[in-house]
Amino acid sequence: MDELPRPPKRPDPASRDERLAARLRENLKRRKEQARGRVAADEPAEPDSGSPSS
């Protein structure tokens, strides 16, 4: 019988974990920036005229 070809080696799991961690950090950073943008958009452009400024 012929031998079956071996499957290719899998990449190092440590490097995969590092890549995954980096992508998760980037995703979190992007989501925080989006949330800050939404908060800034929700704030009034001018201060409330009913409250004294001095």
C-alpha atoms as a PDB file:
ATOM      1  CA  MET A   1       0.000   0.000   0.000  1.00  0.00           C
ATOM      2  CA  ASP A   2       1.072   3.566  -0.655  1.00  0.00           C
ATOM      3  CA  GLU A   3       1.686   5.803   2.310  1.00  0.00           C
ATOM      4  CA  LEU A   4      -0.707   8.694   2.744  1.00  0.00           C
ATOM      5  CA  PRO A   5       0.914  12.125   2.510  1.00  0.00           C
ATOM      6  CA  ARG A   6       1.363  13.851   5.832  1.00  0.00           C
ATOM      7  CA  PRO A   7      -0.717  16.947   6.460  1.00  0.00           C
ATOM      8  CA  PRO A   8       1.239  20.212   6.531  1.00  0.00           C
ATOM      9  CA  LYS A   9       2.524  21.340   9.907  1.00  0.00           C
ATOM     10  CA  ARG A  10       0.250  23.662  11.786  1.00  0.00           C
ATOM     11  CA  PRO A  11       1.550  27.107  12.654  1.00  0.00           C
ATOM     12  CA  ASP A  12       2.982  27.688  16.087  1.00  0.00           C
ATOM     13  CA  PRO A  13       0.055  28.125  18.507  1.00  0.00           C
ATOM     14  CA  ALA A  14       1.956  30.813  20.439  1.00  0.00           C
ATOM     15  CA  SER A  15       2.207  33.015  17.334  1.00  0.00           C
ATOM     16  CA  ARG A  16      -1.499  32.454  16.675  1.00  0.00           C
ATOM     17  CA  ASP A  17      -2.296  33.555  20.222  1.00  0.00           C
ATOM     18  CA  GLU A  18      -0.160  36.665  19.763  1.00  0.00           C
ATOM     19  CA  ARG A  19      -1.907  37.551  16.504  1.00  0.00           C
ATOM     20  CA  LEU A  20      -5.313  36.990  18.084  1.00  0.00           C
ATOM     21  CA  ALA A  21      -4.429  39.148  21.094  1.00  0.00           C
ATOM     22  CA  ALA A  22      -3.211  41.953  18.814  1.00  0.00           C
ATOM     23  CA  ARG A  23      -6.431  41.864  16.777  1.00  0.00           C
ATOM     24  CA  LEU A  24      -8.531  41.908  19.938  1.00  0.00           C
ATOM     25  CA  ARG A  25      -6.600  44.948  21.231  1.00  0.00           C
ATOM     26  CA  GLU A  26      -7.112  46.768  17.930  1.00  0.00           C
ATOM     27  CA  ASN A  27     -10.817  45.918  17.958  1.00  0.00           C
ATOM     28  CA  LEU A  28     -11.201  47.214  21.520  1.00  0.00           C
ATOM     29  CA  LYS A  29      -9.338  50.409  20.639  1.00  0.00           C
ATOM     30  CA  ARG A  30     -11.555  50.983  17.593  1.00  0.00           C
ATOM     31  CA  ARG A  31     -14.745  50.355  19.592  1.00  0.00           C
ATOM     32  CA  LYS A  32     -13.655  52.780  22.315  1.00  0.00           C
ATOM     33  CA  GLU A  33     -12.995  55.459  19.681  1.00  0.00           C
ATOM     34  CA  GLN A  34     -16.444  54.849  18.191  1.00  0.00           C
ATOM     35  CA  ALA A  35     -18.057  55.125  21.642  1.00  0.00           C
ATOM     36  CA  ARG A  36     -16.212  58.396  22.316  1.00  0.00           C
ATOM     37  CA  GLY A  37     -17.501  59.719  18.993  1.00  0.00           C
ATOM     38  CA  ARG A  38     -21.070  58.823  19.900  1.00  0.00           C
ATOM     39  CA  VAL A  39     -20.755  60.508  23.315  1.00  0.00           C
ATOM     40  CA  ALA A  40     -19.326  63.663  21.725  1.00  0.00           C
ATOM     41  CA  ALA A  41     -22.182  63.706  19.208  1.00  0.00           C
ATOM     42  CA  ASP A  42     -24.772  63.364  22.009  1.00  0.00           C
ATOM     43  CA  GLU A  43     -23.409  66.358  23.965  1.00  0.00           C
ATOM     44  CA  PRO A  44     -24.961  69.760  23.197  1.00  0.00           C
ATOM     45  CA  ALA A  45     -22.816  72.008  21.002  1.00  0.00           C
ATOM     46  CA  GLU A  46     -23.462  75.044  23.218  1.00  0.00           C
ATOM     47  CA  PRO A  47     -23.734  75.220  27.004  1.00  0.00           C
ATOM     48  CA  ASP A  48     -27.246  75.201  28.462  1.00  0.00           C
ATOM     49  CA  SER A  49     -28.548  78.791  28.510  1.00  0.00           C
ATOM     50  CA  GLY A  50     -30.543  78.136  31.709  1.00  0.00           C
ATOM     51  CA  SER A  51     -27.467  77.665  33.910  1.00  0.00           C
ATOM     52  CA  PRO A  52     -25.370  80.644  35.048  1.00  0.00           C
ATOM     53  CA  SER A  53     -21.839  80.574  33.635  1.00  0.00           C
ATOM     54  CA  SER A  54     -20.265  82.788  36.301  1.00  0.00           C
END
